[in-house]
């Protein structure tokens, strides 16, 4: 049996060595982009609750274990969008480039979930609930749909104009919290409390998840909703969050992870016949490197694992493919 295991290890190393090199190159690129981005990242530095969440005082008290004056305010603090339809409009003051990036973020979500985004007139919106994208002080959103109806804003201001940040803020409006606040987070990350700015320590508190649900998904280092290592660091050099898995990268703002997408699809009851079988944000990076090309030696792997991102939904594998993911080395 031991010989068989050794043979498989050797076979994997020889045959799939290219996949590991590709993964290492991709991870290095993502890590560098995250590290370069953190000093100006506005979604962690807007001065709001957890950096980018608009929240009423009653719900904030509930999350942090404080006194609740009116229980009605938090009986159902998260309101989801009926039938997964989000109506939205753009503030006229938004510059064209920012509008284009927001549209890319919306397209990123539309391609990978069953959510429906409907643009409406900014002059006379008639929908009961809708989002207005604005250029505010940084980036921020409320959690879920505004229960009182009417307009709610998502700010994509300075330091926020990237697709992953747009996706991050829209996910807040869909009803999702930051990954690092999960009640089970201490099994997966270590919070360096002494390195956190005193006025921002509340941003690292865990809180009850009867406010939401992770649908049984594992802790997701790759989530677009995860804080970076240096979030609210005193000197922006010393980490405030250390993953217990030393190989993990946290804080990417490229796009949805595999489990981000799965959570949205479960919450809004999406049924898709064609999906990426690994992190969509990694598939995007691989596509940008040319791996989706039919001439690429990795074409079969991309056909299997990044079918949606590569636009292969109507294609079938014409030859046997390996069972190794081009990004993780795992099935």
Protein backbone atom coordinates (compact mmCIF):
# COMPACT_ATOMS: atom_id res chain seq x y z
CA UNK A 1 0.00 0.00 0.00
CA UNK A 2 2.84 2.37 0.88
CA UNK A 3 4.40 1.76 -2.56
CA UNK A 4 1.09 2.70 -4.15
CA UNK A 5 0.95 5.98 -2.20
CA UNK A 6 4.55 6.82 -3.14
CA UNK A 7 3.79 6.07 -6.80
CA UNK A 8 0.79 8.38 -6.73
CA UNK A 9 2.84 11.16 -5.14
CA UNK A 10 5.57 10.82 -7.77
CA UNK A 11 3.00 10.67 -10.56
CA UNK A 12 1.25 13.76 -9.24
CA UNK A 13 4.52 15.69 -8.95
CA UNK A 14 5.69 14.84 -12.46
CA UNK A 15 2.43 15.05 -14.36
CA UNK A 16 0.89 17.98 -12.55
CA UNK A 17 3.99 20.02 -11.73
CA UNK A 18 2.84 22.71 -14.10
CA UNK A 19 -0.38 23.16 -12.11
CA UNK A 20 1.58 23.76 -8.93
CA UNK A 21 3.82 26.32 -10.69
CA UNK A 22 0.75 28.01 -12.08
CA UNK A 23 -0.85 28.09 -8.63
CA UNK A 24 2.31 29.50 -7.02
CA UNK A 25 2.59 32.19 -9.68
CA UNK A 26 -1.07 33.10 -9.32
CA UNK A 27 -0.95 33.17 -5.51
CA UNK A 28 2.16 35.36 -5.59
CA UNK A 29 0.44 37.79 -7.96
CA UNK A 30 -2.70 37.94 -5.80
CA UNK A 31 -0.65 38.35 -2.59
CA UNK A 32 1.31 41.24 -4.11
CA UNK A 33 -1.83 42.96 -5.36
CA UNK A 34 -3.41 42.67 -1.90
CA UNK A 35 -0.31 43.97 -0.10
CA UNK A 36 0.10 46.92 -2.50
CA UNK A 37 -3.58 47.76 -2.18
CA UNK A 38 -3.99 47.68 1.61
CA UNK A 39 -2.50 51.12 2.52
CA UNK A 40 -5.17 52.94 0.49
CA UNK A 41 -8.01 50.44 0.93
CA UNK A 42 -11.04 52.51 1.81
CA UNK A 43 -13.38 49.61 2.64
CA UNK A 44 -11.30 49.02 5.78
CA UNK A 45 -10.71 52.69 6.60
CA UNK A 46 -13.95 54.63 6.08
CA UNK A 47 -14.47 55.17 9.82
CA UNK A 48 -17.80 53.31 9.90
CA UNK A 49 -18.75 50.12 11.73
CA UNK A 50 -16.19 47.50 10.65
CA UNK A 51 -14.86 50.10 8.23
CA UNK A 52 -17.59 50.04 5.60
CA UNK A 53 -20.95 49.12 7.15
CA UNK A 54 -23.82 51.58 7.60
CA UNK A 55 -25.68 50.38 10.68
CA UNK A 56 -28.29 51.72 13.11
CA UNK A 57 -27.43 52.04 16.80
CA UNK A 58 -29.91 49.38 17.92
CA UNK A 59 -28.40 46.73 15.67
CA UNK A 60 -24.89 47.82 16.59
CA UNK A 61 -25.75 47.41 20.29
CA UNK A 62 -27.10 43.95 19.58
CA UNK A 63 -24.01 42.88 17.66
CA UNK A 64 -21.66 44.09 20.38
CA UNK A 65 -23.68 42.74 23.31
CA UNK A 66 -25.06 46.09 24.43
CA UNK A 67 -28.48 47.05 25.74
CA UNK A 68 -31.37 46.85 23.30
CA UNK A 69 -34.02 49.51 23.90
CA UNK A 70 -36.46 48.29 21.26
CA UNK A 71 -36.31 44.59 20.44
CA UNK A 72 -38.40 45.26 17.34
CA UNK A 73 -35.38 46.98 15.81
CA UNK A 74 -33.47 43.70 15.62
CA UNK A 75 -36.14 41.02 15.31
CA UNK A 76 -35.29 40.81 11.63
CA UNK A 77 -32.31 43.12 11.08
CA UNK A 78 -31.37 41.60 7.74
CA UNK A 79 -33.85 42.00 4.92
CA UNK A 80 -33.17 40.15 1.71
CA UNK A 81 -34.12 41.23 -1.80
CA UNK A 82 -37.36 39.54 -2.99
CA UNK A 83 -36.73 37.06 -5.80
CA UNK A 84 -33.09 38.17 -5.85
CA UNK A 85 -33.88 41.33 -7.84
CA UNK A 86 -31.79 44.41 -7.06
CA UNK A 87 -32.87 47.71 -8.55
CA UNK A 88 -30.13 50.29 -8.82
CA UNK A 89 -29.24 53.67 -10.21
CA UNK A 90 -26.15 55.86 -10.48
CA UNK A 91 -25.69 59.25 -8.90
CA UNK A 92 -25.11 61.80 -11.71
CA UNK A 93 -21.93 62.95 -9.95
CA UNK A 94 -20.21 59.60 -10.49
CA UNK A 95 -17.50 59.82 -13.14
CA UNK A 96 -17.81 57.52 -16.20
CA UNK A 97 -14.82 55.36 -15.22
CA UNK A 98 -16.32 54.57 -11.80
CA UNK A 99 -19.66 53.77 -13.42
CA UNK A 100 -17.92 51.34 -15.78
CA UNK A 101 -16.15 49.57 -12.87
CA UNK A 102 -19.43 49.28 -10.95
CA UNK A 103 -21.04 47.77 -14.04
CA UNK A 104 -18.18 45.26 -14.23
CA UNK A 105 -18.82 44.29 -10.61
CA UNK A 106 -22.52 43.85 -11.32
CA UNK A 107 -21.72 41.75 -14.39
CA UNK A 108 -19.34 39.64 -12.29
CA UNK A 109 -22.24 38.78 -9.96
CA UNK A 110 -24.80 38.34 -12.73
CA UNK A 111 -22.61 35.81 -14.54
CA UNK A 112 -22.09 33.65 -11.45
CA UNK A 113 -25.40 33.79 -9.59
CA UNK A 114 -29.11 33.95 -10.37
CA UNK A 115 -29.33 37.51 -9.04
CA UNK A 116 -31.08 40.00 -11.31
CA UNK A 117 -29.87 43.60 -11.49
CA UNK A 118 -32.24 46.15 -13.00
CA UNK A 119 -31.01 49.68 -13.72
CA UNK A 120 -33.64 52.35 -13.16
CA UNK A 121 -33.88 56.07 -13.83
CA UNK A 122 -32.12 58.26 -11.29
CA UNK A 123 -34.64 61.04 -11.88
CA UNK A 124 -37.86 59.38 -10.77
CA UNK A 125 -37.27 55.93 -9.24
CA UNK A 126 -40.58 54.22 -8.50
CA UNK A 127 -39.35 50.98 -6.94
CA UNK A 128 -40.07 50.38 -3.25
CA UNK A 129 -36.41 49.52 -2.64
CA UNK A 130 -33.42 50.45 -4.71
CA UNK A 131 -29.68 51.13 -4.46
CA UNK A 132 -28.05 54.38 -5.47
CA UNK A 133 -24.34 54.15 -6.19
CA UNK A 134 -22.61 57.32 -5.04
CA UNK A 135 -19.14 58.79 -4.67
CA UNK A 136 -19.08 59.16 -0.90
CA UNK A 137 -16.29 59.28 1.67
CA UNK A 138 -14.72 55.93 0.81
CA UNK A 139 -16.74 52.75 0.32
CA UNK A 140 -19.65 51.55 2.41
CA UNK A 141 -23.05 49.88 2.39
CA UNK A 142 -25.72 48.77 4.84
CA UNK A 143 -26.28 45.08 5.61
CA UNK A 144 -29.22 43.80 3.58
CA UNK A 145 -32.18 45.63 2.13
CA UNK A 146 -33.49 48.75 3.89
CA UNK A 147 -36.60 47.49 5.75
CA UNK A 148 -38.36 50.87 5.61
CA UNK A 149 -38.11 50.94 1.83
CA UNK A 150 -36.89 53.68 -0.43
CA UNK A 151 -33.32 54.50 -1.35
CA UNK A 152 -30.19 53.04 0.19
CA UNK A 153 -26.70 53.95 -0.90
CA UNK A 154 -23.53 52.10 -1.78
CA UNK A 155 -20.54 54.40 -1.86
CA UNK A 156 -17.72 53.70 -4.30
CA UNK A 157 -15.43 56.61 -3.52
CA UNK A 158 -11.69 57.18 -3.46
CA UNK A 159 -9.74 53.95 -2.90
CA UNK A 160 -12.74 51.81 -3.83
CA UNK A 161 -12.79 51.79 -7.61
CA UNK A 162 -12.02 48.14 -8.28
CA UNK A 163 -14.31 45.28 -9.26
CA UNK A 164 -13.67 43.25 -6.10
CA UNK A 165 -14.58 46.15 -3.83
CA UNK A 166 -17.80 46.75 -5.76
CA UNK A 167 -18.62 43.04 -5.29
CA UNK A 168 -17.72 43.31 -1.58
CA UNK A 169 -20.08 46.24 -0.99
CA UNK A 170 -22.91 44.68 -2.99
CA UNK A 171 -22.53 41.50 -0.92
CA UNK A 172 -23.09 43.60 2.20
CA UNK A 173 -26.31 44.90 0.68
CA UNK A 174 -27.30 41.30 -0.11
CA UNK A 175 -27.07 40.50 3.61
CA UNK A 176 -23.48 39.32 4.18
CA UNK A 177 -21.11 40.27 7.00
CA UNK A 178 -17.31 40.20 7.06
CA UNK A 179 -15.76 36.74 7.21
CA UNK A 180 -13.53 37.46 10.21
CA UNK A 181 -16.54 38.09 12.49
CA UNK A 182 -17.80 34.50 12.27
CA UNK A 183 -18.22 32.94 15.74
CA UNK A 184 -15.86 30.10 14.79
CA UNK A 185 -13.13 32.40 13.47
CA UNK A 186 -10.66 31.75 16.34
CA UNK A 187 -10.08 28.24 15.00
CA UNK A 188 -8.73 29.72 11.78
CA UNK A 189 -7.23 33.14 12.49
CA UNK A 190 -5.44 34.82 15.37
CA UNK A 191 -6.32 38.43 16.18
CA UNK A 192 -3.32 40.48 17.31
CA UNK A 193 -5.23 42.81 19.61
CA UNK A 194 -2.12 44.78 20.64
CA UNK A 195 -1.50 45.82 17.03
CA UNK A 196 -5.00 47.22 16.46
CA UNK A 197 -5.75 50.92 16.79
CA UNK A 198 -7.69 51.28 20.05
CA UNK A 199 -10.64 53.08 18.48
CA UNK A 200 -11.09 50.25 15.98
CA UNK A 201 -10.89 47.18 18.24
CA UNK A 202 -14.67 46.80 18.13
CA UNK A 203 -14.31 46.02 14.42
CA UNK A 204 -12.78 42.67 15.32
CA UNK A 205 -15.46 41.45 17.72
CA UNK A 206 -17.35 38.27 16.99
CA UNK A 207 -21.12 38.53 17.12
CA UNK A 208 -24.20 36.27 17.07
CA UNK A 209 -24.91 34.67 13.76
CA UNK A 210 -28.64 34.52 14.23
CA UNK A 211 -28.10 37.72 12.29
CA UNK A 212 -27.16 35.65 9.26
CA UNK A 213 -25.92 32.26 8.15
CA UNK A 214 -22.81 30.75 6.64
CA UNK A 215 -24.92 27.82 5.33
CA UNK A 216 -22.45 25.36 6.77
CA UNK A 217 -19.60 26.49 4.52
CA UNK A 218 -16.05 26.18 5.86
CA UNK A 219 -14.14 29.25 6.99
CA UNK A 220 -13.10 30.97 3.78
CA UNK A 221 -9.69 32.63 3.68
CA UNK A 222 -10.30 33.40 0.01
CA UNK A 223 -13.56 35.26 0.57
CA UNK A 224 -13.90 38.72 -0.93
CA UNK A 225 -15.51 39.56 2.45
CA UNK A 226 -12.36 38.84 4.48
CA UNK A 227 -10.27 41.59 6.07
CA UNK A 228 -6.63 41.88 5.04
CA UNK A 229 -3.73 41.06 7.37
CA UNK A 230 -3.08 44.76 8.05
CA UNK A 231 -6.66 45.94 8.64
CA UNK A 232 -6.61 48.81 11.18
CA UNK A 233 -2.94 48.16 11.97
CA UNK A 234 -1.21 50.79 14.13
CA UNK A 235 1.70 51.14 11.72
CA UNK A 236 0.39 49.43 8.53
CA UNK A 237 3.35 47.04 8.76
CA UNK A 238 2.41 44.83 11.70
CA UNK A 239 -0.43 42.35 11.02
CA UNK A 240 -3.65 42.48 12.99
CA UNK A 241 -4.90 39.17 11.57
CA UNK A 242 -2.73 36.07 11.23
CA UNK A 243 -4.19 33.00 9.46
CA UNK A 244 -3.43 29.78 11.33
CA UNK A 245 -2.88 28.19 7.93
CA UNK A 246 0.42 29.83 7.02
CA UNK A 247 -0.19 29.20 3.32
CA UNK A 248 -3.41 31.20 3.33
CA UNK A 249 -3.78 34.60 1.72
CA UNK A 250 -6.52 36.85 3.01
CA UNK A 251 -8.09 40.11 1.90
CA UNK A 252 -8.31 39.64 -1.88
CA UNK A 253 -10.50 42.14 -3.74
CA UNK A 254 -10.51 40.48 -7.15
CA UNK A 255 -13.95 38.89 -7.02
CA UNK A 256 -16.08 36.08 -5.62
CA UNK A 257 -14.47 33.05 -4.07
CA UNK A 258 -15.98 29.60 -4.62
CA UNK A 259 -17.83 29.77 -1.29
CA UNK A 260 -18.89 33.40 -1.73
CA UNK A 261 -20.73 32.32 -4.82
CA UNK A 262 -22.16 29.22 -3.12
CA UNK A 263 -23.49 31.30 -0.22
CA UNK A 264 -25.24 33.77 -2.52
CA UNK A 265 -26.70 30.96 -4.58
CA UNK A 266 -28.05 29.17 -1.52
CA UNK A 267 -29.43 32.32 0.10
CA UNK A 268 -31.22 33.39 -3.06
CA UNK A 269 -32.02 29.82 -4.16
CA UNK A 270 -30.05 29.97 -7.38
CA UNK A 271 -29.89 26.95 -9.65
CA UNK A 272 -27.09 27.01 -12.18
CA UNK A 273 -26.14 24.29 -14.62
CA UNK A 274 -22.82 25.88 -15.53
CA UNK A 275 -20.45 27.16 -12.83
CA UNK A 276 -16.75 27.44 -12.07
CA UNK A 277 -15.66 24.58 -9.84
CA UNK A 278 -12.96 26.62 -8.16
CA UNK A 279 -12.67 30.24 -7.00
CA UNK A 280 -14.11 32.48 -9.73
CA UNK A 281 -11.57 35.19 -8.89
CA UNK A 282 -8.75 32.73 -9.62
CA UNK A 283 -10.38 31.77 -12.89
CA UNK A 284 -10.44 35.45 -13.83
CA UNK A 285 -6.70 35.74 -13.18
CA UNK A 286 -6.00 32.59 -15.18
CA UNK A 287 -8.13 33.86 -18.06
CA UNK A 288 -6.12 37.08 -18.06
CA UNK A 289 -2.97 34.97 -18.41
CA UNK A 290 -4.35 33.27 -21.50
CA UNK A 291 -5.20 29.86 -20.03
CA UNK A 292 -8.74 29.92 -21.47
CA UNK A 293 -7.36 29.84 -25.01
CA UNK A 294 -8.17 26.71 -26.99
CA UNK A 295 -4.46 26.60 -27.86
CA UNK A 296 -3.44 26.59 -24.19
CA UNK A 297 -2.04 23.28 -22.90
CA UNK A 298 -4.25 23.88 -19.83
CA UNK A 299 -7.42 24.09 -21.94
CA UNK A 300 -8.92 20.84 -20.66
CA UNK A 301 -8.39 21.83 -17.05
CA UNK A 302 -9.93 25.23 -17.65
CA UNK A 303 -12.83 23.55 -19.44
CA UNK A 304 -13.50 21.55 -16.30
CA UNK A 305 -12.76 24.01 -13.50
CA UNK A 306 -13.35 27.49 -15.01
CA UNK A 307 -16.11 26.72 -17.48
CA UNK A 308 -18.21 29.79 -16.64
CA UNK A 309 -15.40 32.35 -16.60
CA UNK A 310 -13.83 31.03 -19.80
CA UNK A 311 -17.16 31.00 -21.66
CA UNK A 312 -17.08 27.23 -22.17
CA UNK A 313 -20.63 26.51 -20.98
CA UNK A 314 -21.74 25.21 -24.35
CA UNK A 315 -18.64 23.08 -24.92
CA UNK A 316 -17.91 19.48 -24.00
CA UNK A 317 -14.64 17.82 -23.18
CA UNK A 318 -13.40 16.04 -26.28
CA UNK A 319 -10.68 14.10 -24.52
CA UNK A 320 -9.96 12.77 -21.07
CA UNK A 321 -9.09 15.46 -18.55
CA UNK A 322 -7.02 15.19 -15.44
CA UNK A 323 -8.76 15.40 -12.08
CA UNK A 324 -6.50 18.10 -10.73
CA UNK A 325 -7.64 21.69 -10.29
CA UNK A 326 -5.44 24.22 -12.09
CA UNK A 327 -5.51 26.45 -9.03
CA UNK A 328 -5.63 24.22 -5.97
CA UNK A 329 -4.13 20.88 -6.97
CA UNK A 330 -7.27 19.25 -5.55
CA UNK A 331 -10.50 17.85 -6.97
